[in-house]
Amino acid sequence: MSNQDLKTIIVLTDFSSCARNAAEYSLILARKFQANLLLFHSYFVPISTFDSWPSSDYPALRENSLSKLLKEAERLNQLVPAAESVFQPQIECIAEGGSVAENISNMITERHNILMVVMGGYRARNNDDFQYGTVISDILGQARCPAVIVPEFEFLKD
């Protein structure tokens, strides 16, 4: 089976420690299921006139996101031992503007090799967590594949 025929695990990241923990867990899943990883970040794109953000800044937002994604991919690649007997997942990076749930739903529809979506889950701390809970709920409602929510604690560390 060629690397392009393999299933892919989408890993959502907001570059937080919780998201890094979920990415590490997705690396374990990828090795177990012999799947590739797709690191995905959705950056904010204003949709109303009240959100006055110059459209000339969008390419900079995308490039900043891609730069962070590439650093995360490099970090994950360093976690995989370079042994020949261990499956080495390929890591792709994508940054898109707009709604996370819509972007993920479109990606699952367009690509026919998505195995699952992995994302970090935060414990509620205050009212600011309402938005994050809504995003998770939207993703679970729109994703037409299994979704794994990884707790924020570092369970992989001894």
N, C-alpha and C. Protein backbone atom coordinates (compact mmCIF):
# COMPACT_ATOMS: atom_id res chain seq x y z
N MET A 1 0.84 -1.17 0.00
CA MET A 1 0.00 0.00 0.00
C MET A 1 0.89 1.24 0.00
N SER A 2 0.65 2.16 -0.92
CA SER A 2 1.46 3.37 -0.97
C SER A 2 1.00 4.33 0.11
N ASN A 3 1.86 5.29 0.42
CA ASN A 3 1.57 6.26 1.46
C ASN A 3 0.33 7.09 1.13
N GLN A 4 0.06 7.30 -0.16
CA GLN A 4 -1.11 8.07 -0.57
C GLN A 4 -2.41 7.29 -0.40
N ASP A 5 -2.34 5.97 -0.33
CA ASP A 5 -3.53 5.14 -0.14
C ASP A 5 -3.92 5.01 1.33
N LEU A 6 -3.09 5.49 2.22
CA LEU A 6 -3.34 5.35 3.66
C LEU A 6 -4.46 6.27 4.12
N LYS A 7 -5.09 5.88 5.21
CA LYS A 7 -6.08 6.72 5.86
C LYS A 7 -5.37 7.92 6.50
N THR A 8 -6.15 8.95 6.79
CA THR A 8 -5.60 10.17 7.39
C THR A 8 -6.39 10.53 8.64
N ILE A 9 -5.67 10.95 9.65
CA ILE A 9 -6.26 11.45 10.89
C ILE A 9 -6.11 12.97 10.88
N ILE A 10 -7.25 13.68 10.97
CA ILE A 10 -7.20 15.13 11.06
C ILE A 10 -6.98 15.51 12.51
N VAL A 11 -5.98 16.36 12.76
CA VAL A 11 -5.67 16.80 14.12
C VAL A 11 -5.91 18.31 14.18
N LEU A 12 -6.89 18.71 14.97
CA LEU A 12 -7.19 20.13 15.11
C LEU A 12 -6.25 20.74 16.14
N THR A 13 -5.76 21.94 15.84
CA THR A 13 -4.90 22.60 16.81
C THR A 13 -5.18 24.08 16.88
N ASP A 14 -5.06 24.60 18.08
CA ASP A 14 -5.09 26.04 18.31
C ASP A 14 -3.75 26.45 18.93
N PHE A 15 -2.78 25.53 18.87
CA PHE A 15 -1.41 25.71 19.33
C PHE A 15 -1.29 25.81 20.85
N SER A 16 -2.32 25.39 21.57
CA SER A 16 -2.28 25.40 23.04
C SER A 16 -1.60 24.12 23.54
N SER A 17 -1.31 24.07 24.84
CA SER A 17 -0.73 22.85 25.40
C SER A 17 -1.71 21.69 25.30
N CYS A 18 -2.99 21.98 25.43
CA CYS A 18 -4.01 20.94 25.29
C CYS A 18 -3.99 20.37 23.87
N ALA A 19 -3.88 21.23 22.88
CA ALA A 19 -3.83 20.79 21.49
C ALA A 19 -2.55 20.00 21.21
N ARG A 20 -1.44 20.39 21.81
CA ARG A 20 -0.18 19.64 21.64
C ARG A 20 -0.32 18.23 22.23
N ASN A 21 -1.00 18.14 23.35
CA ASN A 21 -1.25 16.84 23.98
C ASN A 21 -2.09 15.96 23.04
N ALA A 22 -3.13 16.55 22.44
CA ALA A 22 -3.98 15.81 21.50
C ALA A 22 -3.18 15.39 20.27
N ALA A 23 -2.27 16.24 19.81
CA ALA A 23 -1.43 15.91 18.66
C ALA A 23 -0.52 14.73 18.97
N GLU A 24 0.02 14.70 20.18
CA GLU A 24 0.87 13.58 20.58
C GLU A 24 0.06 12.29 20.62
N TYR A 25 -1.15 12.37 21.12
CA TYR A 25 -2.02 11.19 21.16
C TYR A 25 -2.36 10.74 19.73
N SER A 26 -2.60 11.70 18.84
CA SER A 26 -2.92 11.35 17.45
C SER A 26 -1.73 10.66 16.78
N LEU A 27 -0.53 11.01 17.19
CA LEU A 27 0.66 10.35 16.66
C LEU A 27 0.67 8.87 17.05
N ILE A 28 0.28 8.57 18.28
CA ILE A 28 0.17 7.18 18.74
C ILE A 28 -0.88 6.45 17.90
N LEU A 29 -2.04 7.10 17.70
CA LEU A 29 -3.10 6.49 16.89
C LEU A 29 -2.63 6.26 15.45
N ALA A 30 -1.94 7.23 14.89
CA ALA A 30 -1.47 7.11 13.51
C ALA A 30 -0.51 5.93 13.35
N ARG A 31 0.36 5.76 14.31
CA ARG A 31 1.29 4.62 14.23
C ARG A 31 0.54 3.31 14.39
N LYS A 32 -0.44 3.27 15.28
CA LYS A 32 -1.21 2.05 15.52
C LYS A 32 -2.05 1.66 14.29
N PHE A 33 -2.70 2.66 13.68
CA PHE A 33 -3.58 2.40 12.54
C PHE A 33 -2.88 2.56 11.19
N GLN A 34 -1.59 2.85 11.22
CA GLN A 34 -0.81 3.12 10.01
C GLN A 34 -1.54 4.14 9.13
N ALA A 35 -1.74 5.31 9.73
CA ALA A 35 -2.42 6.41 9.06
C ALA A 35 -1.51 7.64 9.06
N ASN A 36 -1.74 8.52 8.12
CA ASN A 36 -1.03 9.78 8.08
C ASN A 36 -1.76 10.80 8.94
N LEU A 37 -1.09 11.91 9.23
CA LEU A 37 -1.69 12.98 10.02
C LEU A 37 -1.86 14.23 9.16
N LEU A 38 -2.93 14.94 9.43
CA LEU A 38 -3.17 16.23 8.80
C LEU A 38 -3.40 17.23 9.93
N LEU A 39 -2.40 18.07 10.20
CA LEU A 39 -2.53 19.10 11.23
C LEU A 39 -3.34 20.24 10.63
N PHE A 40 -4.41 20.64 11.32
CA PHE A 40 -5.30 21.65 10.79
C PHE A 40 -5.54 22.77 11.80
N HIS A 41 -5.43 24.00 11.31
CA HIS A 41 -5.75 25.18 12.13
C HIS A 41 -6.69 26.06 11.34
N SER A 42 -7.76 26.48 12.01
CA SER A 42 -8.72 27.39 11.39
C SER A 42 -8.56 28.75 12.05
N TYR A 43 -8.19 29.76 11.26
CA TYR A 43 -8.01 31.09 11.81
C TYR A 43 -9.25 31.93 11.56
N PHE A 44 -9.43 32.96 12.37
CA PHE A 44 -10.60 33.81 12.34
C PHE A 44 -10.65 34.66 11.07
N VAL A 45 -11.79 34.63 10.40
CA VAL A 45 -12.04 35.51 9.27
C VAL A 45 -13.34 36.25 9.59
N PRO A 46 -13.28 37.58 9.72
CA PRO A 46 -14.49 38.33 10.07
C PRO A 46 -15.54 38.24 8.97
N ILE A 47 -16.81 38.13 9.40
CA ILE A 47 -17.88 38.00 8.41
C ILE A 47 -18.88 39.15 8.49
N SER A 48 -18.72 40.03 9.46
CA SER A 48 -19.66 41.15 9.55
C SER A 48 -18.92 42.47 9.43
N THR A 49 -19.65 43.52 9.19
CA THR A 49 -19.03 44.84 9.09
C THR A 49 -18.52 45.33 10.43
N PHE A 50 -19.00 44.71 11.52
CA PHE A 50 -18.52 45.10 12.84
C PHE A 50 -17.11 44.57 13.10
N ASP A 51 -16.76 43.50 12.42
CA ASP A 51 -15.42 42.93 12.54
C ASP A 51 -14.55 43.58 11.47
N SER A 52 -14.01 44.73 11.80
CA SER A 52 -13.23 45.46 10.79
C SER A 52 -11.78 44.99 10.82
N TRP A 53 -11.46 44.11 9.93
CA TRP A 53 -10.12 43.57 9.80
C TRP A 53 -9.75 43.69 8.33
N PRO A 54 -8.67 44.36 8.02
CA PRO A 54 -8.32 44.55 6.60
C PRO A 54 -8.10 43.22 5.89
N SER A 55 -8.72 43.07 4.72
CA SER A 55 -8.57 41.81 3.98
C SER A 55 -7.14 41.57 3.54
N SER A 56 -6.34 42.63 3.52
CA SER A 56 -4.93 42.46 3.15
C SER A 56 -4.16 41.68 4.21
N ASP A 57 -4.74 41.55 5.42
CA ASP A 57 -4.08 40.81 6.50
C ASP A 57 -4.31 39.30 6.42
N TYR A 58 -5.27 38.84 5.61
CA TYR A 58 -5.59 37.41 5.54
C TYR A 58 -4.40 36.55 5.12
N PRO A 59 -3.64 36.94 4.09
CA PRO A 59 -2.47 36.12 3.75
C PRO A 59 -1.47 36.02 4.90
N ALA A 60 -1.31 37.10 5.66
CA ALA A 60 -0.40 37.07 6.81
C ALA A 60 -0.92 36.12 7.89
N LEU A 61 -2.24 36.12 8.11
CA LEU A 61 -2.83 35.20 9.08
C LEU A 61 -2.58 33.76 8.66
N ARG A 62 -2.79 33.48 7.38
CA ARG A 62 -2.59 32.12 6.87
C ARG A 62 -1.13 31.70 6.99
N GLU A 63 -0.21 32.59 6.61
CA GLU A 63 1.22 32.27 6.69
C GLU A 63 1.67 32.06 8.13
N ASN A 64 1.15 32.86 9.05
CA ASN A 64 1.48 32.70 10.47
C ASN A 64 0.99 31.34 10.96
N SER A 65 -0.23 30.98 10.59
CA SER A 65 -0.78 29.68 10.99
C SER A 65 0.04 28.54 10.40
N LEU A 66 0.37 28.64 9.11
CA LEU A 66 1.17 27.58 8.47
C LEU A 66 2.54 27.44 9.11
N SER A 67 3.15 28.56 9.46
CA SER A 67 4.46 28.52 10.12
C SER A 67 4.38 27.77 11.44
N LYS A 68 3.34 28.05 12.23
CA LYS A 68 3.15 27.35 13.51
C LYS A 68 2.85 25.87 13.28
N LEU A 69 2.07 25.57 12.26
CA LEU A 69 1.76 24.17 11.94
C LEU A 69 3.02 23.40 11.56
N LEU A 70 3.87 24.01 10.77
CA LEU A 70 5.11 23.34 10.36
C LEU A 70 6.02 23.09 11.56
N LYS A 71 6.07 24.01 12.50
CA LYS A 71 6.86 23.81 13.73
C LYS A 71 6.28 22.64 14.54
N GLU A 72 4.95 22.56 14.60
CA GLU A 72 4.31 21.46 15.33
C GLU A 72 4.59 20.13 14.63
N ALA A 73 4.54 20.12 13.31
CA ALA A 73 4.84 18.89 12.55
C ALA A 73 6.28 18.45 12.81
N GLU A 74 7.19 19.40 12.85
CA GLU A 74 8.59 19.08 13.13
C GLU A 74 8.74 18.50 14.54
N ARG A 75 8.03 19.09 15.50
CA ARG A 75 8.07 18.58 16.89
C ARG A 75 7.56 17.15 16.95
N LEU A 76 6.45 16.88 16.26
CA LEU A 76 5.88 15.54 16.27
C LEU A 76 6.81 14.54 15.58
N ASN A 77 7.43 14.94 14.48
CA ASN A 77 8.36 14.06 13.78
C ASN A 77 9.54 13.67 14.67
N GLN A 78 9.94 14.57 15.56
CA GLN A 78 11.05 14.26 16.47
C GLN A 78 10.64 13.27 17.56
N LEU A 79 9.34 13.12 17.78
CA LEU A 79 8.86 12.18 18.80
C LEU A 79 8.83 10.73 18.30
N VAL A 80 8.88 10.55 16.98
CA VAL A 80 8.83 9.21 16.40
C VAL A 80 10.26 8.69 16.26
N PRO A 81 10.58 7.56 16.88
CA PRO A 81 11.92 7.00 16.73
C PRO A 81 12.17 6.63 15.27
N ALA A 82 13.37 6.85 14.82
CA ALA A 82 13.73 6.57 13.43
C ALA A 82 14.10 5.11 13.22
N ALA A 83 13.31 4.21 13.78
CA ALA A 83 13.55 2.78 13.61
C ALA A 83 12.80 2.30 12.37
N GLU A 84 13.39 1.40 11.63
CA GLU A 84 12.77 0.92 10.40
C GLU A 84 11.51 0.10 10.65
N SER A 85 11.42 -0.51 11.82
CA SER A 85 10.27 -1.37 12.10
C SER A 85 9.04 -0.59 12.58
N VAL A 86 9.19 0.71 12.77
CA VAL A 86 8.10 1.54 13.26
C VAL A 86 7.51 2.34 12.10
N PHE A 87 6.19 2.31 11.97
CA PHE A 87 5.53 3.08 10.93
C PHE A 87 5.76 4.58 11.15
N GLN A 88 6.14 5.27 10.11
CA GLN A 88 6.38 6.71 10.16
C GLN A 88 5.27 7.43 9.41
N PRO A 89 4.31 8.03 10.11
CA PRO A 89 3.24 8.75 9.41
C PRO A 89 3.76 10.01 8.73
N GLN A 90 3.22 10.30 7.57
CA GLN A 90 3.50 11.57 6.91
C GLN A 90 2.61 12.62 7.57
N ILE A 91 3.12 13.84 7.72
CA ILE A 91 2.35 14.90 8.37
C ILE A 91 2.16 16.04 7.37
N GLU A 92 0.89 16.32 7.08
CA GLU A 92 0.51 17.41 6.19
C GLU A 92 -0.04 18.55 7.06
N CYS A 93 0.14 19.78 6.62
CA CYS A 93 -0.34 20.94 7.36
C CYS A 93 -1.26 21.78 6.49
N ILE A 94 -2.43 22.14 7.06
CA ILE A 94 -3.38 22.99 6.35
C ILE A 94 -3.91 24.04 7.31
N ALA A 95 -3.95 25.29 6.84
CA ALA A 95 -4.56 26.39 7.58
C ALA A 95 -5.62 27.01 6.68
N GLU A 96 -6.81 27.19 7.22
CA GLU A 96 -7.92 27.78 6.47
C GLU A 96 -8.62 28.80 7.35
N GLY A 97 -9.15 29.82 6.73
CA GLY A 97 -9.94 30.81 7.45
C GLY A 97 -11.38 30.35 7.56
N GLY A 98 -12.07 30.80 8.60
CA GLY A 98 -13.49 30.51 8.72
C GLY A 98 -13.82 29.55 9.83
N SER A 99 -15.01 28.98 9.72
CA SER A 99 -15.55 28.09 10.73
C SER A 99 -14.81 26.75 10.76
N VAL A 100 -14.38 26.36 11.94
CA VAL A 100 -13.69 25.08 12.10
C VAL A 100 -14.58 23.93 11.65
N ALA A 101 -15.83 23.92 12.13
CA ALA A 101 -16.74 22.81 11.81
C ALA A 101 -17.00 22.71 10.32
N GLU A 102 -17.23 23.84 9.66
CA GLU A 102 -17.47 23.81 8.21
C GLU A 102 -16.23 23.36 7.45
N ASN A 103 -15.08 23.87 7.86
CA ASN A 103 -13.84 23.46 7.19
C ASN A 103 -13.60 21.97 7.32
N ILE A 104 -13.82 21.43 8.52
CA ILE A 104 -13.61 20.00 8.75
C ILE A 104 -14.63 19.19 7.96
N SER A 105 -15.87 19.60 7.98
CA SER A 105 -16.92 18.91 7.24
C SER A 105 -16.59 18.87 5.75
N ASN A 106 -16.15 20.00 5.20
CA ASN A 106 -15.77 20.05 3.77
C ASN A 106 -14.58 19.14 3.48
N MET A 107 -13.61 19.13 4.37
CA MET A 107 -12.42 18.30 4.17
C MET A 107 -12.79 16.82 4.17
N ILE A 108 -13.67 16.42 5.08
CA ILE A 108 -14.10 15.02 5.14
C ILE A 108 -14.85 14.64 3.87
N THR A 109 -15.68 15.56 3.37
CA THR A 109 -16.44 15.30 2.15
C THR A 109 -15.53 15.22 0.93
N GLU A 110 -14.56 16.13 0.83
CA GLU A 110 -13.67 16.19 -0.33
C GLU A 110 -12.66 15.06 -0.37
N ARG A 111 -12.16 14.70 0.78
CA ARG A 111 -11.16 13.62 0.86
C ARG A 111 -11.91 12.35 1.26
N HIS A 112 -11.54 11.26 0.69
CA HIS A 112 -12.25 10.01 0.98
C HIS A 112 -11.43 9.08 1.85
N ASN A 113 -10.40 9.63 2.48
CA ASN A 113 -9.51 8.78 3.26
C ASN A 113 -9.43 9.20 4.73
N ILE A 114 -10.38 9.99 5.22
CA ILE A 114 -10.32 10.46 6.60
C ILE A 114 -10.79 9.36 7.55
N LEU A 115 -9.92 8.98 8.46
CA LEU A 115 -10.22 7.94 9.44
C LEU A 115 -10.96 8.51 10.65
N MET A 116 -10.48 9.67 11.13
CA MET A 116 -11.06 10.28 12.32
C MET A 116 -10.55 11.70 12.48
N VAL A 117 -11.19 12.43 13.38
CA VAL A 117 -10.76 13.77 13.77
C VAL A 117 -10.35 13.70 15.23
N VAL A 118 -9.20 14.29 15.57
CA VAL A 118 -8.71 14.32 16.95
C VAL A 118 -8.57 15.78 17.37
N MET A 119 -9.09 16.08 18.56
CA MET A 119 -8.97 17.45 19.08
C MET A 119 -8.81 17.40 20.59
N GLY A 120 -8.23 18.44 21.13
CA GLY A 120 -8.09 18.56 22.58
C GLY A 120 -9.38 19.05 23.19
N GLY A 121 -9.65 18.64 24.42
CA GLY A 121 -10.83 19.08 25.15
C GLY A 121 -10.41 19.77 26.44
N TYR A 122 -10.94 20.94 26.66
CA TYR A 122 -10.61 21.72 27.86
C TYR A 122 -11.68 21.51 28.92
N ARG A 123 -11.26 21.62 30.17
CA ARG A 123 -12.21 21.66 31.27
C ARG A 123 -12.79 23.07 31.34
N ALA A 124 -14.08 23.16 31.59
CA ALA A 124 -14.70 24.48 31.70
C ALA A 124 -14.13 25.22 32.91
N ARG A 125 -13.74 26.47 32.68
CA ARG A 125 -13.17 27.28 33.76
C ARG A 125 -13.98 28.54 34.01
N ASN A 126 -14.53 29.09 32.93
CA ASN A 126 -15.31 30.33 33.05
C ASN A 126 -16.21 30.46 31.83
N ASN A 127 -16.85 31.58 31.69
CA ASN A 127 -17.79 31.77 30.58
C ASN A 127 -17.11 31.78 29.22
N ASP A 128 -15.81 32.04 29.15
CA ASP A 128 -15.10 32.04 27.87
C ASP A 128 -15.07 30.65 27.24
N ASP A 129 -15.24 29.62 28.04
CA ASP A 129 -15.20 28.26 27.52
C ASP A 129 -16.47 27.88 26.78
N PHE A 130 -17.51 28.70 26.87
CA PHE A 130 -18.75 28.42 26.16
C PHE A 130 -18.51 28.33 24.66
N GLN A 131 -17.73 29.27 24.12
CA GLN A 131 -17.45 29.27 22.67
C GLN A 131 -16.73 27.99 22.26
N TYR A 132 -15.73 27.56 23.05
CA TYR A 132 -15.00 26.35 22.71
C TYR A 132 -15.92 25.14 22.74
N GLY A 133 -16.81 25.07 23.72
CA GLY A 133 -17.77 23.98 23.81
C GLY A 133 -18.70 23.96 22.61
N THR A 134 -19.06 25.13 22.11
CA THR A 134 -19.90 25.24 20.93
C THR A 134 -19.16 24.72 19.70
N VAL A 135 -17.88 25.04 19.59
CA VAL A 135 -17.07 24.56 18.46
C VAL A 135 -17.00 23.03 18.47
N ILE A 136 -16.74 22.45 19.63
CA ILE A 136 -16.70 20.98 19.73
C ILE A 136 -18.04 20.39 19.33
N SER A 137 -19.10 20.97 19.84
CA SER A 137 -20.44 20.49 19.52
C SER A 137 -20.73 20.58 18.03
N ASP A 138 -20.34 21.69 17.41
CA ASP A 138 -20.53 21.86 15.95
C ASP A 138 -19.74 20.82 15.16
N ILE A 139 -18.52 20.57 15.57
CA ILE A 139 -17.69 19.58 14.88
C ILE A 139 -18.31 18.19 15.01
N LEU A 140 -18.73 17.83 16.21
CA LEU A 140 -19.34 16.53 16.42
C LEU A 140 -20.62 16.38 15.61
N GLY A 141 -21.35 17.49 15.44
CA GLY A 141 -22.58 17.45 14.68
C GLY A 141 -22.38 17.37 13.17
N GLN A 142 -21.27 17.90 12.67
CA GLN A 142 -21.04 17.95 11.22
C GLN A 142 -20.06 16.91 10.70
N ALA A 143 -19.16 16.45 11.53
CA ALA A 143 -18.14 15.49 11.08
C ALA A 143 -18.79 14.14 10.80
N ARG A 144 -18.56 13.62 9.63
CA ARG A 144 -19.12 12.32 9.25
C ARG A 144 -18.05 11.24 9.36
N CYS A 145 -17.39 11.25 10.52
CA CYS A 145 -16.39 10.23 10.85
C CYS A 145 -16.23 10.28 12.37
N PRO A 146 -15.56 9.30 12.94
CA PRO A 146 -15.35 9.33 14.39
C PRO A 146 -14.55 10.56 14.81
N ALA A 147 -14.86 11.08 15.99
CA ALA A 147 -14.13 12.21 16.57
C ALA A 147 -13.63 11.80 17.94
N VAL A 148 -12.37 12.08 18.21
CA VAL A 148 -11.76 11.76 19.50
C VAL A 148 -11.43 13.08 20.20
N ILE A 149 -11.92 13.23 21.42
CA ILE A 149 -11.61 14.41 22.22
C ILE A 149 -10.65 13.98 23.31
N VAL A 150 -9.44 14.52 23.27
CA VAL A 150 -8.38 14.13 24.20
C VAL A 150 -8.38 15.10 25.37
N PRO A 151 -8.42 14.57 26.61
CA PRO A 151 -8.41 15.44 27.78
C PRO A 151 -7.13 16.29 27.82
N GLU A 152 -7.21 17.41 28.50
CA GLU A 152 -6.08 18.34 28.49
C GLU A 152 -4.88 17.88 29.32
N PHE A 153 -5.06 16.97 30.26
CA PHE A 153 -3.91 16.57 31.07
C PHE A 153 -2.94 15.71 30.26
N GLU A 154 -1.70 15.75 30.66
CA GLU A 154 -0.65 15.03 29.94
C GLU A 154 -0.59 13.58 30.42
N PHE A 155 -1.45 12.76 29.87
CA PHE A 155 -1.54 11.35 30.28
C PHE A 155 -0.38 10.53 29.74
N LEU A 156 0.34 11.05 28.75
CA LEU A 156 1.43 10.29 28.15
C LEU A 156 2.72 10.39 28.95
N LYS A 157 2.78 11.32 29.89
CA LYS A 157 3.98 11.52 30.69
C LYS A 157 3.90 10.67 31.94
N ASP A 158 5.05 10.19 32.37
CA ASP A 158 5.09 9.41 33.62
C ASP A 158 5.29 10.29 34.82
